[in-house]
């Protein structure tokens, strides 16, 4: 899968497209569907952690409960680290 640079400030600093190898899994059980995503490899090493899931569960009242669990960590570009503009 090829996607735009993430996070958005990466594009401003001239980062190109990401080359990402991901593993996706869909789980279907009674009253719940879950979409899993795990990044196996990023050629440019731009992400230290990029995985998680989105779950849709039917509630007893007929509504839908949506749960998101994610681990996404992009290291700061060197220019931002050098200027001490990173958030604490």
N, C-alpha and C. Protein backbone atom coordinates (compact mmCIF):
# COMPACT_ATOMS: atom_id res chain seq x y z
N UNK A 1 0.84 -1.16 0.00
CA UNK A 1 0.00 0.00 0.00
C UNK A 1 0.90 1.23 0.00
N UNK A 2 0.60 2.19 -0.82
CA UNK A 2 1.33 3.46 -0.84
C UNK A 2 0.37 4.55 -0.44
N UNK A 3 0.81 5.41 0.47
CA UNK A 3 -0.07 6.48 0.93
C UNK A 3 0.71 7.77 1.05
N UNK A 4 0.01 8.83 1.36
CA UNK A 4 0.62 10.13 1.52
C UNK A 4 1.45 10.17 2.79
N UNK A 5 2.39 11.11 2.89
CA UNK A 5 3.21 11.21 4.09
C UNK A 5 2.35 11.46 5.32
N UNK A 6 2.72 10.83 6.41
CA UNK A 6 2.04 11.03 7.67
C UNK A 6 3.09 11.27 8.73
N UNK A 7 2.85 12.04 9.74
CA UNK A 7 1.74 12.98 9.84
C UNK A 7 1.85 14.11 8.83
N UNK A 8 0.86 14.97 8.80
CA UNK A 8 0.76 15.98 7.74
C UNK A 8 1.98 16.88 7.62
N UNK A 9 2.64 17.20 8.73
CA UNK A 9 3.79 18.08 8.63
C UNK A 9 4.92 17.46 7.82
N UNK A 10 4.92 16.15 7.64
CA UNK A 10 5.96 15.48 6.86
C UNK A 10 5.97 15.97 5.41
N UNK A 11 4.80 16.19 4.84
CA UNK A 11 4.71 16.67 3.46
C UNK A 11 5.32 18.07 3.36
N UNK A 12 5.10 18.90 4.35
CA UNK A 12 5.65 20.26 4.35
C UNK A 12 7.18 20.24 4.32
N UNK A 13 7.77 19.23 4.97
CA UNK A 13 9.23 19.13 5.01
C UNK A 13 9.78 18.28 3.87
N UNK A 14 8.95 18.02 2.84
CA UNK A 14 9.43 17.39 1.62
C UNK A 14 9.47 15.87 1.63
N UNK A 15 8.81 15.24 2.56
CA UNK A 15 8.80 13.78 2.60
C UNK A 15 7.93 13.24 1.47
N UNK A 16 8.37 12.20 0.80
CA UNK A 16 7.62 11.60 -0.29
C UNK A 16 6.59 10.60 0.20
N UNK A 17 6.09 9.80 -0.72
CA UNK A 17 5.10 8.78 -0.37
C UNK A 17 5.72 7.72 0.53
N UNK A 18 4.89 7.11 1.34
CA UNK A 18 5.32 6.03 2.21
C UNK A 18 5.19 4.70 1.47
N UNK A 19 6.11 3.81 1.72
CA UNK A 19 6.04 2.46 1.17
C UNK A 19 5.79 1.53 2.36
N UNK A 20 4.54 1.14 2.53
CA UNK A 20 4.13 0.43 3.74
C UNK A 20 3.66 -0.98 3.40
N UNK A 21 4.12 -1.96 4.18
CA UNK A 21 3.65 -3.33 4.04
C UNK A 21 2.79 -3.62 5.27
N UNK A 22 1.52 -3.85 5.05
CA UNK A 22 0.60 -4.05 6.17
C UNK A 22 -0.07 -5.41 6.11
N UNK A 23 -0.52 -5.83 7.27
CA UNK A 23 -1.30 -7.04 7.40
C UNK A 23 -2.65 -6.62 7.95
N UNK A 24 -3.72 -7.03 7.28
CA UNK A 24 -5.06 -6.67 7.72
C UNK A 24 -5.87 -7.94 7.95
N UNK A 25 -6.74 -7.88 8.93
CA UNK A 25 -7.59 -9.03 9.24
C UNK A 25 -8.98 -8.51 9.60
N UNK A 26 -9.99 -9.19 9.11
CA UNK A 26 -11.38 -8.86 9.44
C UNK A 26 -11.95 -10.00 10.26
N UNK A 27 -12.51 -9.70 11.41
CA UNK A 27 -13.16 -10.70 12.26
C UNK A 27 -14.66 -10.43 12.27
N UNK A 28 -15.42 -11.47 12.00
CA UNK A 28 -16.88 -11.38 12.04
C UNK A 28 -17.39 -12.39 13.06
N UNK A 29 -18.02 -11.90 14.11
CA UNK A 29 -18.69 -12.75 15.08
C UNK A 29 -20.09 -12.19 15.29
N UNK A 30 -20.93 -12.93 15.98
CA UNK A 30 -22.29 -12.46 16.22
C UNK A 30 -22.24 -11.11 16.95
N UNK A 31 -22.89 -10.12 16.38
CA UNK A 31 -23.02 -8.78 16.96
C UNK A 31 -21.74 -7.96 16.99
N UNK A 32 -20.66 -8.41 16.33
CA UNK A 32 -19.46 -7.59 16.29
C UNK A 32 -18.61 -7.88 15.05
N UNK A 33 -18.08 -6.81 14.48
CA UNK A 33 -17.12 -6.91 13.39
C UNK A 33 -15.90 -6.08 13.82
N UNK A 34 -14.71 -6.62 13.52
CA UNK A 34 -13.48 -5.94 13.92
C UNK A 34 -12.51 -5.94 12.76
N UNK A 35 -11.92 -4.78 12.49
CA UNK A 35 -10.93 -4.62 11.43
C UNK A 35 -9.59 -4.36 12.10
N UNK A 36 -8.64 -5.28 11.90
CA UNK A 36 -7.30 -5.17 12.47
C UNK A 36 -6.33 -4.69 11.40
N UNK A 37 -5.35 -3.89 11.79
CA UNK A 37 -4.30 -3.43 10.88
C UNK A 37 -2.98 -3.44 11.63
N UNK A 38 -1.97 -4.02 11.00
CA UNK A 38 -0.63 -4.02 11.60
C UNK A 38 0.40 -3.77 10.51
N UNK A 39 1.24 -2.78 10.72
CA UNK A 39 2.30 -2.49 9.77
C UNK A 39 3.46 -3.43 10.04
N UNK A 40 3.85 -4.16 9.01
CA UNK A 40 4.95 -5.11 9.14
C UNK A 40 6.29 -4.46 8.81
N UNK A 41 6.28 -3.56 7.83
CA UNK A 41 7.54 -2.95 7.40
C UNK A 41 7.25 -1.63 6.69
N UNK A 42 8.05 -0.63 6.98
CA UNK A 42 8.02 0.63 6.24
C UNK A 42 9.43 0.87 5.74
N UNK A 43 9.60 0.89 4.43
CA UNK A 43 10.92 0.98 3.83
C UNK A 43 11.71 2.18 4.30
N UNK A 44 11.03 3.29 4.57
CA UNK A 44 11.76 4.49 4.98
C UNK A 44 11.89 4.63 6.49
N UNK A 45 11.36 3.66 7.26
CA UNK A 45 11.48 3.70 8.71
C UNK A 45 10.77 4.86 9.36
N UNK A 46 9.72 5.37 8.73
CA UNK A 46 9.07 6.59 9.21
C UNK A 46 8.14 6.38 10.39
N UNK A 47 7.81 5.16 10.71
CA UNK A 47 6.90 4.91 11.83
C UNK A 47 7.49 3.86 12.76
N UNK A 48 7.45 4.14 14.04
CA UNK A 48 7.95 3.18 15.02
C UNK A 48 6.84 2.24 15.49
N UNK A 49 5.59 2.66 15.36
CA UNK A 49 4.45 1.85 15.75
C UNK A 49 3.24 2.32 14.94
N UNK A 50 2.57 1.42 14.27
CA UNK A 50 1.40 1.77 13.48
C UNK A 50 0.50 0.55 13.38
N UNK A 51 -0.35 0.37 14.38
CA UNK A 51 -1.23 -0.80 14.40
C UNK A 51 -2.44 -0.53 15.28
N UNK A 52 -3.45 -1.37 15.15
CA UNK A 52 -4.64 -1.24 15.97
C UNK A 52 -5.85 -1.86 15.33
N UNK A 53 -7.04 -1.50 15.83
CA UNK A 53 -8.28 -2.02 15.27
C UNK A 53 -9.42 -1.02 15.44
N UNK A 54 -10.46 -1.26 14.66
CA UNK A 54 -11.74 -0.58 14.81
C UNK A 54 -12.79 -1.68 14.97
N UNK A 55 -13.61 -1.57 15.99
CA UNK A 55 -14.63 -2.59 16.25
C UNK A 55 -16.02 -1.95 16.23
N UNK A 56 -16.96 -2.67 15.64
CA UNK A 56 -18.36 -2.26 15.58
C UNK A 56 -19.17 -3.33 16.29
N UNK A 57 -19.83 -2.96 17.39
CA UNK A 57 -20.59 -3.93 18.17
C UNK A 57 -22.03 -3.48 18.31
N UNK A 58 -22.96 -4.41 18.07
CA UNK A 58 -24.38 -4.11 18.23
C UNK A 58 -24.71 -4.00 19.71
N UNK A 59 -25.41 -2.93 20.07
CA UNK A 59 -25.84 -2.73 21.44
C UNK A 59 -27.23 -3.34 21.63
N UNK A 60 -27.59 -3.70 22.88
CA UNK A 60 -28.91 -4.28 23.14
C UNK A 60 -30.06 -3.37 22.71
N UNK A 61 -29.86 -2.04 22.73
CA UNK A 61 -30.92 -1.12 22.35
C UNK A 61 -31.01 -0.92 20.83
N UNK A 62 -30.20 -1.67 20.07
CA UNK A 62 -30.24 -1.56 18.62
C UNK A 62 -29.21 -0.61 18.04
N UNK A 63 -28.54 0.15 18.88
CA UNK A 63 -27.50 1.07 18.41
C UNK A 63 -26.20 0.33 18.13
N UNK A 64 -25.18 1.09 17.80
CA UNK A 64 -23.88 0.52 17.51
C UNK A 64 -22.82 1.19 18.37
N UNK A 65 -22.00 0.39 18.99
CA UNK A 65 -20.86 0.89 19.76
C UNK A 65 -19.62 0.77 18.88
N UNK A 66 -18.88 1.85 18.73
CA UNK A 66 -17.66 1.85 17.92
C UNK A 66 -16.48 2.05 18.86
N UNK A 67 -15.50 1.15 18.77
CA UNK A 67 -14.30 1.25 19.59
C UNK A 67 -13.08 1.30 18.68
N UNK A 68 -12.15 2.17 19.03
CA UNK A 68 -10.92 2.30 18.26
C UNK A 68 -9.75 2.12 19.21
N UNK A 69 -8.83 1.25 18.85
CA UNK A 69 -7.60 1.06 19.60
C UNK A 69 -6.46 1.24 18.61
N UNK A 70 -5.55 2.15 18.91
CA UNK A 70 -4.48 2.42 17.95
C UNK A 70 -3.18 2.77 18.66
N UNK A 71 -2.10 2.33 18.06
CA UNK A 71 -0.76 2.74 18.45
C UNK A 71 -0.12 3.32 17.19
N UNK A 72 0.05 4.63 17.18
CA UNK A 72 0.66 5.30 16.03
C UNK A 72 1.73 6.23 16.58
N UNK A 73 2.96 6.00 16.18
CA UNK A 73 4.06 6.84 16.66
C UNK A 73 5.01 7.15 15.51
N UNK A 74 5.06 8.41 15.15
CA UNK A 74 5.96 8.88 14.11
C UNK A 74 7.05 9.70 14.78
N UNK A 75 8.32 9.38 14.54
CA UNK A 75 9.37 10.22 15.11
C UNK A 75 9.33 11.62 14.49
N UNK A 76 9.75 12.60 15.25
CA UNK A 76 9.77 13.98 14.77
C UNK A 76 10.86 14.15 13.71
N UNK A 77 10.62 14.97 12.68
CA UNK A 77 11.68 15.26 11.71
C UNK A 77 12.84 15.96 12.41
N UNK A 78 14.06 15.70 11.94
CA UNK A 78 15.25 16.26 12.57
C UNK A 78 15.19 17.78 12.69
N UNK A 79 14.64 18.44 11.68
CA UNK A 79 14.57 19.90 11.72
C UNK A 79 13.73 20.38 12.91
N UNK A 80 12.60 19.71 13.16
CA UNK A 80 11.77 20.11 14.30
C UNK A 80 12.45 19.79 15.62
N UNK A 81 13.14 18.66 15.69
CA UNK A 81 13.85 18.31 16.92
C UNK A 81 14.93 19.36 17.19
N UNK A 82 15.65 19.78 16.14
CA UNK A 82 16.74 20.76 16.30
C UNK A 82 16.22 22.12 16.76
N UNK A 83 14.98 22.46 16.37
CA UNK A 83 14.41 23.76 16.78
C UNK A 83 13.62 23.68 18.07
N UNK A 84 13.56 22.50 18.67
CA UNK A 84 12.85 22.27 19.93
C UNK A 84 11.38 22.62 19.83
N UNK A 85 10.77 22.37 18.66
CA UNK A 85 9.35 22.65 18.47
C UNK A 85 8.47 21.43 18.75
N UNK A 86 9.07 20.32 19.12
CA UNK A 86 8.27 19.13 19.40
C UNK A 86 7.43 19.36 20.66
N UNK A 87 6.27 18.68 20.67
CA UNK A 87 5.38 18.82 21.82
C UNK A 87 5.89 17.95 22.95
N UNK A 88 5.57 18.30 24.17
CA UNK A 88 6.06 17.57 25.33
C UNK A 88 5.12 16.63 25.78
